[in-house]
Amino acid sequence: MERRIFGNGLALNGCWDGPVRFAFTERTGGVSLPPYASLNLGSHVGDDPAAVAENRRRVLASLGADALQERLLVPNQVHGDTVVCVAPSDVEDLARVRERLAAGADAVVCTARDVPVLLCYADCTPVVVCAQGGFAVVHSGWRGTYARIAGKAARALAEMTGEDPSTFSAYIGPHILGDEYEVSPEVVQMFSLQFDNINPYGARLLDMSRAICQSLEEAGVPRCEIHDPRLSTTRLNERFFSYRKENGICGRHAAVAMLR
């Protein structure tokens, strides 16, 4: 999956040859100044709004979506498990969808053509699920992971497209890895009761991608079609923003997708 196509560290493109275009962005290639340098895509971190707008424009341009800025959907992420579905794509429909996204959502399932969707991250796990007739973009922090938001989004995508999840491909983007992510003993215990291979008596480390894979498999996505290059946001902090590594003051990279 790690194949650079845009140059200047602008994005990582998924190697999927269907009608969905998607990418996981890096932190370079934008115009934001420190501590948000440089391709910050988050609008609620204290960065100059004009810089964020230009950075988003650059990402869309890199996907060949220069003319679709007015149709871009960006949810207000709240670390929950709400999934918003997008089917129609006229101006009024998108306005109603934006109202729902503003109320809070951490996954968007979209079957509307030429409607780009962008979700932001800085250690939490990005997931993109691709189908022939649509896609899902998921923000999976530990609470969303525990609630199986990735599997929930995959099921919603299957319902909307009428396709079997066994035909889907899922991609996990840069995130804090299981050997880096220390949580409380209570959180480890919670996960051990719900997910396989989580040891409540071992180190206080949580492998979110392992739990995400399980939730996707439970939804019917084949294990061989769940792709994770295990890119660490903390170890590769020069390439990706990391909330923990940068003590909470940093920009946000993104997962972005659209159906053409």
C-alpha atoms as a PDB file:
ATOM      1  CA  MET A   1       0.000   0.000   0.000  1.00  0.00           C
ATOM      2  CA  GLU A   2       2.859   2.417   0.614  1.00  0.00           C
ATOM      3  CA  ARG A   3       3.311   3.833  -2.857  1.00  0.00           C
ATOM      4  CA  ARG A   4       4.146   7.515  -3.285  1.00  0.00           C
ATOM      5  CA  ILE A   5       2.493   9.082  -6.307  1.00  0.00           C
ATOM      6  CA  PHE A   6       2.176  12.766  -5.482  1.00  0.00           C
ATOM      7  CA  GLY A   7       5.722  13.690  -4.497  1.00  0.00           C
ATOM      8  CA  ASN A   8       6.972  16.042  -1.785  1.00  0.00           C
ATOM      9  CA  GLY A   9       5.623  13.709   0.872  1.00  0.00           C
ATOM     10  CA  LEU A  10       2.102  14.853   0.088  1.00  0.00           C
ATOM     11  CA  ALA A  11       0.288  11.543   0.360  1.00  0.00           C
ATOM     12  CA  LEU A  12       0.304   7.772   0.379  1.00  0.00           C
ATOM     13  CA  ASN A  13      -1.972   6.187  -2.170  1.00  0.00           C
ATOM     14  CA  GLY A  14      -3.735   2.874  -1.746  1.00  0.00           C
ATOM     15  CA  CYS A  15      -3.010   0.270  -4.419  1.00  0.00           C
ATOM     16  CA  TRP A  16      -6.642  -0.526  -5.216  1.00  0.00           C
ATOM     17  CA  ASP A  17      -7.705  -0.544  -8.840  1.00  0.00           C
ATOM     18  CA  GLY A  18     -11.454  -0.012  -8.364  1.00  0.00           C
ATOM     19  CA  PRO A  19     -13.496   3.198  -8.793  1.00  0.00           C
ATOM     20  CA  VAL A  20     -12.594   4.602  -5.363  1.00  0.00           C
ATOM     21  CA  ARG A  21      -9.647   6.971  -5.109  1.00  0.00           C
ATOM     22  CA  PHE A  22      -8.182   7.340  -1.651  1.00  0.00           C
ATOM     23  CA  ALA A  23      -5.036   8.394   0.158  1.00  0.00           C
ATOM     24  CA  PHE A  24      -3.469   8.737   3.599  1.00  0.00           C
ATOM     25  CA  THR A  25      -1.684  12.055   3.766  1.00  0.00           C
ATOM     26  CA  GLU A  26       1.656  12.874   5.375  1.00  0.00           C
ATOM     27  CA  ARG A  27       2.573  16.001   7.299  1.00  0.00           C
ATOM     28  CA  THR A  28       4.680  17.611   4.529  1.00  0.00           C
ATOM     29  CA  GLY A  29       3.722  19.382   1.325  1.00  0.00           C
ATOM     30  CA  GLY A  30       1.514  22.103   2.796  1.00  0.00           C
ATOM     31  CA  VAL A  31       1.658  25.738   3.863  1.00  0.00           C
ATOM     32  CA  SER A  32       0.976  25.646   7.627  1.00  0.00           C
ATOM     33  CA  LEU A  33       3.619  27.054   9.957  1.00  0.00           C
ATOM     34  CA  PRO A  34       5.009  25.363  13.087  1.00  0.00           C
ATOM     35  CA  PRO A  35       3.756  23.731  15.236  1.00  0.00           C
ATOM     36  CA  TYR A  36       1.315  22.669  12.510  1.00  0.00           C
ATOM     37  CA  ALA A  37       3.869  22.362   9.719  1.00  0.00           C
ATOM     38  CA  SER A  38       3.060  21.804   7.050  1.00  0.00           C
ATOM     39  CA  LEU A  39       0.129  19.844   5.567  1.00  0.00           C
ATOM     40  CA  ASN A  40      -2.205  20.254   8.527  1.00  0.00           C
ATOM     41  CA  LEU A  41      -5.758  19.331   7.546  1.00  0.00           C
ATOM     42  CA  GLY A  42      -7.435  19.843  10.922  1.00  0.00           C
ATOM     43  CA  SER A  43      -9.516  22.998  11.357  1.00  0.00           C
ATOM     44  CA  HIS A  44      -9.847  22.823  15.166  1.00  0.00           C
ATOM     45  CA  VAL A  45      -6.223  22.744  16.320  1.00  0.00           C
ATOM     46  CA  GLY A  46      -5.404  26.456  16.285  1.00  0.00           C
ATOM     47  CA  ASP A  47      -3.966  26.723  12.789  1.00  0.00           C
ATOM     48  CA  ASP A  48      -4.677  29.580  10.369  1.00  0.00           C
ATOM     49  CA  PRO A  49      -7.988  28.698   8.629  1.00  0.00           C
ATOM     50  CA  ALA A  50      -6.636  29.986   5.311  1.00  0.00           C
ATOM     51  CA  ALA A  51      -3.684  27.593   5.572  1.00  0.00           C
ATOM     52  CA  VAL A  52      -5.985  24.672   6.332  1.00  0.00           C
ATOM     53  CA  ALA A  53      -8.169  25.546   3.353  1.00  0.00           C
ATOM     54  CA  GLU A  54      -5.146  25.674   1.050  1.00  0.00           C
ATOM     55  CA  ASN A  55      -3.848  22.378   2.406  1.00  0.00           C
ATOM     56  CA  ARG A  56      -7.187  20.713   1.761  1.00  0.00           C
ATOM     57  CA  ARG A  57      -7.231  22.172  -1.739  1.00  0.00           C
ATOM     58  CA  ARG A  58      -3.812  20.639  -2.404  1.00  0.00           C
ATOM     59  CA  VAL A  59      -4.929  17.218  -1.223  1.00  0.00           C
ATOM     60  CA  LEU A  60      -8.019  17.283  -3.430  1.00  0.00           C
ATOM     61  CA  ALA A  61      -5.930  18.467  -6.380  1.00  0.00           C
ATOM     62  CA  SER A  62      -3.579  15.544  -5.845  1.00  0.00           C
ATOM     63  CA  LEU A  63      -6.553  13.209  -6.245  1.00  0.00           C
ATOM     64  CA  GLY A  64      -7.715  14.956  -9.390  1.00  0.00           C
ATOM     65  CA  ALA A  65     -10.604  16.577  -7.537  1.00  0.00           C
ATOM     66  CA  ASP A  66      -9.713  20.241  -8.000  1.00  0.00           C
ATOM     67  CA  ALA A  67     -13.299  21.111  -8.940  1.00  0.00           C
ATOM     68  CA  LEU A  68     -14.894  19.337  -5.967  1.00  0.00           C
ATOM     69  CA  GLN A  69     -13.880  21.571  -3.053  1.00  0.00           C
ATOM     70  CA  GLU A  70     -17.462  22.764  -2.521  1.00  0.00           C
ATOM     71  CA  ARG A  71     -18.578  19.131  -2.184  1.00  0.00           C
ATOM     72  CA  LEU A  72     -15.974  18.104   0.393  1.00  0.00           C
ATOM     73  CA  LEU A  73     -17.372  16.499   3.569  1.00  0.00           C
ATOM     74  CA  VAL A  74     -15.420  16.743   6.842  1.00  0.00           C
ATOM     75  CA  PRO A  75     -17.164  15.454   9.984  1.00  0.00           C
ATOM     76  CA  ASN A  76     -16.832  16.788  13.500  1.00  0.00           C
ATOM     77  CA  GLN A  77     -15.081  13.783  15.037  1.00  0.00           C
ATOM     78  CA  VAL A  78     -16.053  12.965  18.619  1.00  0.00           C
ATOM     79  CA  HIS A  79     -14.334   9.605  19.308  1.00  0.00           C
ATOM     80  CA  GLY A  80     -17.619   7.725  19.140  1.00  0.00           C
ATOM     81  CA  ASP A  81     -19.143   5.115  16.841  1.00  0.00           C
ATOM     82  CA  THR A  82     -21.639   7.173  14.836  1.00  0.00           C
ATOM     83  CA  VAL A  83     -21.694   6.318  11.123  1.00  0.00           C
ATOM     84  CA  VAL A  84     -23.228   8.805   8.684  1.00  0.00           C
ATOM     85  CA  CYS A  85     -24.324   7.525   5.274  1.00  0.00           C
ATOM     86  CA  VAL A  86     -24.209   9.668   2.134  1.00  0.00           C
ATOM     87  CA  ALA A  87     -26.198   8.619  -0.948  1.00  0.00           C
ATOM     88  CA  PRO A  88     -27.691  11.585  -2.861  1.00  0.00           C
ATOM     89  CA  SER A  89     -25.293  14.319  -3.853  1.00  0.00           C
ATOM     90  CA  ASP A  90     -27.175  17.469  -4.847  1.00  0.00           C
ATOM     91  CA  VAL A  91     -26.565  20.718  -2.987  1.00  0.00           C
ATOM     92  CA  GLU A  92     -29.545  20.378  -0.624  1.00  0.00           C
ATOM     93  CA  ASP A  93     -28.721  16.784   0.237  1.00  0.00           C
ATOM     94  CA  LEU A  94     -25.110  17.613   1.025  1.00  0.00           C
ATOM     95  CA  ALA A  95     -26.227  20.534   3.204  1.00  0.00           C
ATOM     96  CA  ARG A  96     -28.358  18.142   5.272  1.00  0.00           C
ATOM     97  CA  VAL A  97     -25.460  15.691   5.526  1.00  0.00           C
ATOM     98  CA  ARG A  98     -23.166  18.465   6.755  1.00  0.00           C
ATOM     99  CA  GLU A  99     -25.635  19.239   9.544  1.00  0.00           C
ATOM    100  CA  ARG A 100     -25.474  15.605  10.667  1.00  0.00           C
ATOM    101  CA  LEU A 101     -21.674  15.571  10.434  1.00  0.00           C
ATOM    102  CA  ALA A 102     -21.436  18.761  12.479  1.00  0.00           C
ATOM    103  CA  ALA A 103     -23.359  17.037  15.269  1.00  0.00           C
ATOM    104  CA  GLY A 104     -20.587  14.454  15.497  1.00  0.00           C
ATOM    105  CA  ALA A 105     -19.538  11.383  13.528  1.00  0.00           C
ATOM    106  CA  ASP A 106     -16.461   9.183  13.268  1.00  0.00           C
ATOM    107  CA  ALA A 107     -17.259   7.279  10.089  1.00  0.00           C
ATOM    108  CA  VAL A 108     -18.733   8.259   6.740  1.00  0.00           C
ATOM    109  CA  VAL A 109     -20.110   5.729   4.268  1.00  0.00           C
ATOM    110  CA  CYS A 110     -20.545   7.209   0.812  1.00  0.00           C
ATOM    111  CA  THR A 111     -22.114   5.896  -2.410  1.00  0.00           C
ATOM    112  CA  ALA A 112     -22.450   9.343  -4.024  1.00  0.00           C
ATOM    113  CA  ARG A 113     -20.079  10.013  -6.892  1.00  0.00           C
ATOM    114  CA  ASP A 114     -17.682  12.959  -6.842  1.00  0.00           C
ATOM    115  CA  VAL A 115     -18.186  13.661  -3.136  1.00  0.00           C
ATOM    116  CA  PRO A 116     -14.785  13.635  -1.380  1.00  0.00           C
ATOM    117  CA  VAL A 117     -14.724  12.713   2.309  1.00  0.00           C
ATOM    118  CA  LEU A 118     -11.869  13.674   4.645  1.00  0.00           C
ATOM    119  CA  LEU A 119     -11.273  12.562   8.252  1.00  0.00           C
ATOM    120  CA  CYS A 120      -8.355  13.711  10.426  1.00  0.00           C
ATOM    121  CA  TYR A 121      -5.925  11.829  12.697  1.00  0.00           C
ATOM    122  CA  ALA A 122      -2.828  12.259  14.853  1.00  0.00           C
ATOM    123  CA  ASP A 123      -2.312   8.775  16.415  1.00  0.00           C
ATOM    124  CA  CYS A 124      -5.807   7.268  16.134  1.00  0.00           C
ATOM    125  CA  THR A 125      -6.299   4.696  13.406  1.00  0.00           C
ATOM    126  CA  PRO A 126      -7.548   5.630   9.915  1.00  0.00           C
ATOM    127  CA  VAL A 127      -9.455   2.967   8.011  1.00  0.00           C
ATOM    128  CA  VAL A 128     -10.712   3.078   4.419  1.00  0.00           C
ATOM    129  CA  VAL A 129     -13.024   0.335   3.151  1.00  0.00           C
ATOM    130  CA  CYS A 130     -13.455   0.125  -0.624  1.00  0.00           C
ATOM    131  CA  ALA A 131     -16.280  -1.423  -2.643  1.00  0.00           C
ATOM    132  CA  GLN A 132     -17.256  -1.158  -6.292  1.00  0.00           C
ATOM    133  CA  GLY A 133     -20.192   1.056  -5.427  1.00  0.00           C
ATOM    134  CA  GLY A 134     -18.833   3.159  -2.600  1.00  0.00           C
ATOM    135  CA  PHE A 135     -16.482   3.468   0.355  1.00  0.00           C
ATOM    136  CA  ALA A 136     -16.231   4.069   4.072  1.00  0.00           C
ATOM    137  CA  VAL A 137     -13.726   6.289   5.866  1.00  0.00           C
ATOM    138  CA  VAL A 138     -13.373   5.559   9.579  1.00  0.00           C
ATOM    139  CA  HIS A 139     -11.700   7.335  12.500  1.00  0.00           C
ATOM    140  CA  SER A 140     -10.983   4.620  15.066  1.00  0.00           C
ATOM    141  CA  GLY A 141      -9.673   5.795  18.419  1.00  0.00           C
ATOM    142  CA  TRP A 142      -9.750   3.339  21.309  1.00  0.00           C
ATOM    143  CA  ARG A 143     -13.400   4.065  22.088  1.00  0.00           C
ATOM    144  CA  GLY A 144     -14.443   3.651  18.459  1.00  0.00           C
ATOM    145  CA  THR A 145     -12.290   0.552  18.145  1.00  0.00           C
ATOM    146  CA  TYR A 146     -13.916  -0.958  21.236  1.00  0.00           C
ATOM    147  CA  ALA A 147     -17.336  -0.194  19.715  1.00  0.00           C
ATOM    148  CA  ARG A 148     -16.250  -1.956  16.480  1.00  0.00           C
ATOM    149  CA  ILE A 149     -16.840   1.158  14.373  1.00  0.00           C
ATOM    150  CA  ALA A 150     -14.862  -0.235  11.400  1.00  0.00           C
ATOM    151  CA  GLY A 151     -17.038  -3.346  11.235  1.00  0.00           C
ATOM    152  CA  LYS A 152     -20.144  -1.215  11.697  1.00  0.00           C
ATOM    153  CA  ALA A 153     -19.114   0.960   8.741  1.00  0.00           C
ATOM    154  CA  ALA A 154     -18.374  -2.106   6.585  1.00  0.00           C
ATOM    155  CA  ARG A 155     -21.861  -3.480   7.293  1.00  0.00           C
ATOM    156  CA  ALA A 156     -23.422  -0.115   6.410  1.00  0.00           C
ATOM    157  CA  LEU A 157     -21.424  -0.066   3.170  1.00  0.00           C
ATOM    158  CA  ALA A 158     -22.681  -3.550   2.308  1.00  0.00           C
ATOM    159  CA  GLU A 159     -26.269  -2.486   2.964  1.00  0.00           C
ATOM    160  CA  MET A 160     -25.962   0.665   0.876  1.00  0.00           C
ATOM    161  CA  THR A 161     -24.210  -0.937  -2.095  1.00  0.00           C
ATOM    162  CA  GLY A 162     -25.895  -4.344  -2.010  1.00  0.00           C
ATOM    163  CA  GLU A 163     -22.440  -5.889  -2.262  1.00  0.00           C
ATOM    164  CA  ASP A 164     -21.105  -8.736  -0.155  1.00  0.00           C
ATOM    165  CA  PRO A 165     -18.365  -7.666   2.285  1.00  0.00           C
ATOM    166  CA  SER A 166     -16.292 -10.605   1.016  1.00  0.00           C
ATOM    167  CA  THR A 167     -15.622  -8.450  -2.055  1.00  0.00           C
ATOM    168  CA  PHE A 168     -14.400  -5.445  -0.046  1.00  0.00           C
ATOM    169  CA  SER A 169     -10.831  -4.313   0.499  1.00  0.00           C
ATOM    170  CA  ALA A 170      -9.850  -2.461   3.678  1.00  0.00           C
ATOM    171  CA  TYR A 171      -6.782  -0.316   4.313  1.00  0.00           C
ATOM    172  CA  ILE A 172      -5.397   0.766   7.679  1.00  0.00           C
ATOM    173  CA  GLY A 173      -3.349   3.955   7.632  1.00  0.00           C
ATOM    174  CA  PRO A 174      -0.617   5.427   9.848  1.00  0.00           C
ATOM    175  CA  HIS A 175      -1.354   5.175  13.590  1.00  0.00           C
ATOM    176  CA  ILE A 176       0.247   4.590  16.965  1.00  0.00           C
ATOM    177  CA  LEU A 177       1.239   0.920  16.986  1.00  0.00           C
ATOM    178  CA  GLY A 178       0.513  -1.757  19.537  1.00  0.00           C
ATOM    179  CA  ASP A 179       3.999  -1.762  21.028  1.00  0.00           C
ATOM    180  CA  GLU A 180       3.825   2.030  21.598  1.00  0.00           C
ATOM    181  CA  TYR A 181       0.290   2.645  22.851  1.00  0.00           C
ATOM    182  CA  GLU A 182       0.138   2.411  26.636  1.00  0.00           C
ATOM    183  CA  VAL A 183      -3.334   2.630  28.155  1.00  0.00           C
ATOM    184  CA  SER A 184      -4.842   2.046  31.579  1.00  0.00           C
ATOM    185  CA  PRO A 185      -5.243  -1.489  32.994  1.00  0.00           C
ATOM    186  CA  GLU A 186      -9.010  -0.944  32.885  1.00  0.00           C
ATOM    187  CA  VAL A 187      -8.960  -0.328  29.116  1.00  0.00           C
ATOM    188  CA  VAL A 188      -6.818  -3.410  28.506  1.00  0.00           C
ATOM    189  CA  GLN A 189      -9.229  -5.458  30.615  1.00  0.00           C
ATOM    190  CA  MET A 190     -12.216  -4.148  28.645  1.00  0.00           C
ATOM    191  CA  PHE A 191     -10.626  -5.080  25.340  1.00  0.00           C
ATOM    192  CA  SER A 192      -9.575  -8.520  26.559  1.00  0.00           C
ATOM    193  CA  LEU A 193     -13.220  -9.373  27.204  1.00  0.00           C
ATOM    194  CA  GLN A 194     -14.285  -8.373  23.711  1.00  0.00           C
ATOM    195  CA  PHE A 195     -11.358  -9.158  21.394  1.00  0.00           C
ATOM    196  CA  ASP A 196      -9.092 -12.126  20.806  1.00  0.00           C
ATOM    197  CA  ASN A 197      -5.380 -12.064  21.647  1.00  0.00           C
ATOM    198  CA  ILE A 198      -5.589  -9.141  24.080  1.00  0.00           C
ATOM    199  CA  ASN A 199      -3.783 -10.193  27.268  1.00  0.00           C
ATOM    200  CA  PRO A 200      -5.155  -8.410  30.361  1.00  0.00           C
ATOM    201  CA  TYR A 201      -2.247  -9.654  32.471  1.00  0.00           C
ATOM    202  CA  GLY A 202       0.583  -8.489  30.215  1.00  0.00           C
ATOM    203  CA  ALA A 203       1.942  -5.041  29.478  1.00  0.00           C
ATOM    204  CA  ARG A 204      -0.489  -2.120  29.369  1.00  0.00           C
ATOM    205  CA  LEU A 205      -0.169  -1.896  25.589  1.00  0.00           C
ATOM    206  CA  LEU A 206      -3.103  -1.940  23.177  1.00  0.00           C
ATOM    207  CA  ASP A 207      -2.883  -3.031  19.532  1.00  0.00           C
ATOM    208  CA  MET A 208      -5.831  -1.210  18.002  1.00  0.00           C
ATOM    209  CA  SER A 209      -5.215  -2.474  14.477  1.00  0.00           C
ATOM    210  CA  ARG A 210      -5.515  -6.069  15.708  1.00  0.00           C
ATOM    211  CA  ALA A 211      -8.924  -5.288  17.183  1.00  0.00           C
ATOM    212  CA  ILE A 212      -9.938  -3.375  14.056  1.00  0.00           C
ATOM    213  CA  CYS A 213      -9.003  -6.345  11.875  1.00  0.00           C
ATOM    214  CA  GLN A 214     -11.177  -8.586  14.025  1.00  0.00           C
ATOM    215  CA  SER A 215     -14.164  -6.233  13.724  1.00  0.00           C
ATOM    216  CA  LEU A 216     -13.752  -6.087   9.934  1.00  0.00           C
ATOM    217  CA  GLU A 217     -13.487  -9.870   9.683  1.00  0.00           C
ATOM    218  CA  GLU A 218     -16.610 -10.236  11.821  1.00  0.00           C
ATOM    219  CA  ALA A 219     -18.376  -8.009   9.290  1.00  0.00           C
ATOM    220  CA  GLY A 220     -17.300 -10.336   6.468  1.00  0.00           C
ATOM    221  CA  VAL A 221     -14.219  -8.595   5.045  1.00  0.00           C
ATOM    222  CA  PRO A 222     -11.617 -11.289   4.185  1.00  0.00           C
ATOM    223  CA  ARG A 223      -8.457 -11.171   6.290  1.00  0.00           C
ATOM    224  CA  CYS A 224      -6.365 -11.275   3.114  1.00  0.00           C
ATOM    225  CA  GLU A 225      -8.075  -8.053   1.979  1.00  0.00           C
ATOM    226  CA  ILE A 226      -7.252  -6.089   5.131  1.00  0.00           C
ATOM    227  CA  HIS A 227      -4.012  -4.247   4.435  1.00  0.00           C
ATOM    228  CA  ASP A 228      -1.885  -2.633   7.133  1.00  0.00           C
ATOM    229  CA  PRO A 229       1.684  -1.469   6.364  1.00  0.00           C
ATOM    230  CA  ARG A 230       2.073  -0.694  10.100  1.00  0.00           C
ATOM    231  CA  LEU A 231       3.281   2.869   9.676  1.00  0.00           C
ATOM    232  CA  SER A 232       3.953   4.365  13.101  1.00  0.00           C
ATOM    233  CA  THR A 233       2.945   7.961  13.736  1.00  0.00           C
ATOM    234  CA  THR A 234       5.266   8.169  16.740  1.00  0.00           C
ATOM    235  CA  ARG A 235       8.363   6.521  15.245  1.00  0.00           C
ATOM    236  CA  LEU A 236       7.850   8.319  11.935  1.00  0.00           C
ATOM    237  CA  ASN A 237       7.032  11.682  13.472  1.00  0.00           C
ATOM    238  CA  GLU A 238       8.924  13.494  10.712  1.00  0.00           C
ATOM    239  CA  ARG A 239       6.347  12.103   8.266  1.00  0.00           C
ATOM    240  CA  PHE A 240       3.167  12.056  10.364  1.00  0.00           C
ATOM    241  CA  PHE A 241       1.632  14.118  13.141  1.00  0.00           C
ATOM    242  CA  SER A 242       1.558  12.440  16.561  1.00  0.00           C
ATOM    243  CA  TYR A 243      -0.548  13.790  19.400  1.00  0.00           C
ATOM    244  CA  ARG A 244       1.446  11.879  22.009  1.00  0.00           C
ATOM    245  CA  LYS A 245       4.869  12.554  20.557  1.00  0.00           C
ATOM    246  CA  GLU A 246       4.155  16.284  20.212  1.00  0.00           C
ATOM    247  CA  ASN A 247       2.440  16.684  23.587  1.00  0.00           C
ATOM    248  CA  GLY A 248      -0.940  17.473  22.104  1.00  0.00           C
ATOM    249  CA  ILE A 249       0.162  20.474  20.020  1.00  0.00           C
ATOM    250  CA  CYS A 250       0.322  19.437  16.377  1.00  0.00           C
ATOM    251  CA  GLY A 251      -1.511  19.331  13.087  1.00  0.00           C
ATOM    252  CA  ARG A 252      -3.587  16.501  11.684  1.00  0.00           C
ATOM    253  CA  HIS A 253      -2.977  14.251   8.714  1.00  0.00           C
ATOM    254  CA  ALA A 254      -5.960  12.634   7.004  1.00  0.00           C
ATOM    255  CA  ALA A 255      -7.598   9.821   5.144  1.00  0.00           C
ATOM    256  CA  VAL A 256      -9.465  11.085   2.098  1.00  0.00           C
ATOM    257  CA  ALA A 257     -11.563   9.137  -0.398  1.00  0.00           C
ATOM    258  CA  MET A 258     -14.071   9.613  -3.193  1.00  0.00           C
ATOM    259  CA  LEU A 259     -16.017   7.568  -5.710  1.00  0.00           C
ATOM    260  CA  ARG A 260     -15.483   8.622  -9.322  1.00  0.00           C
END
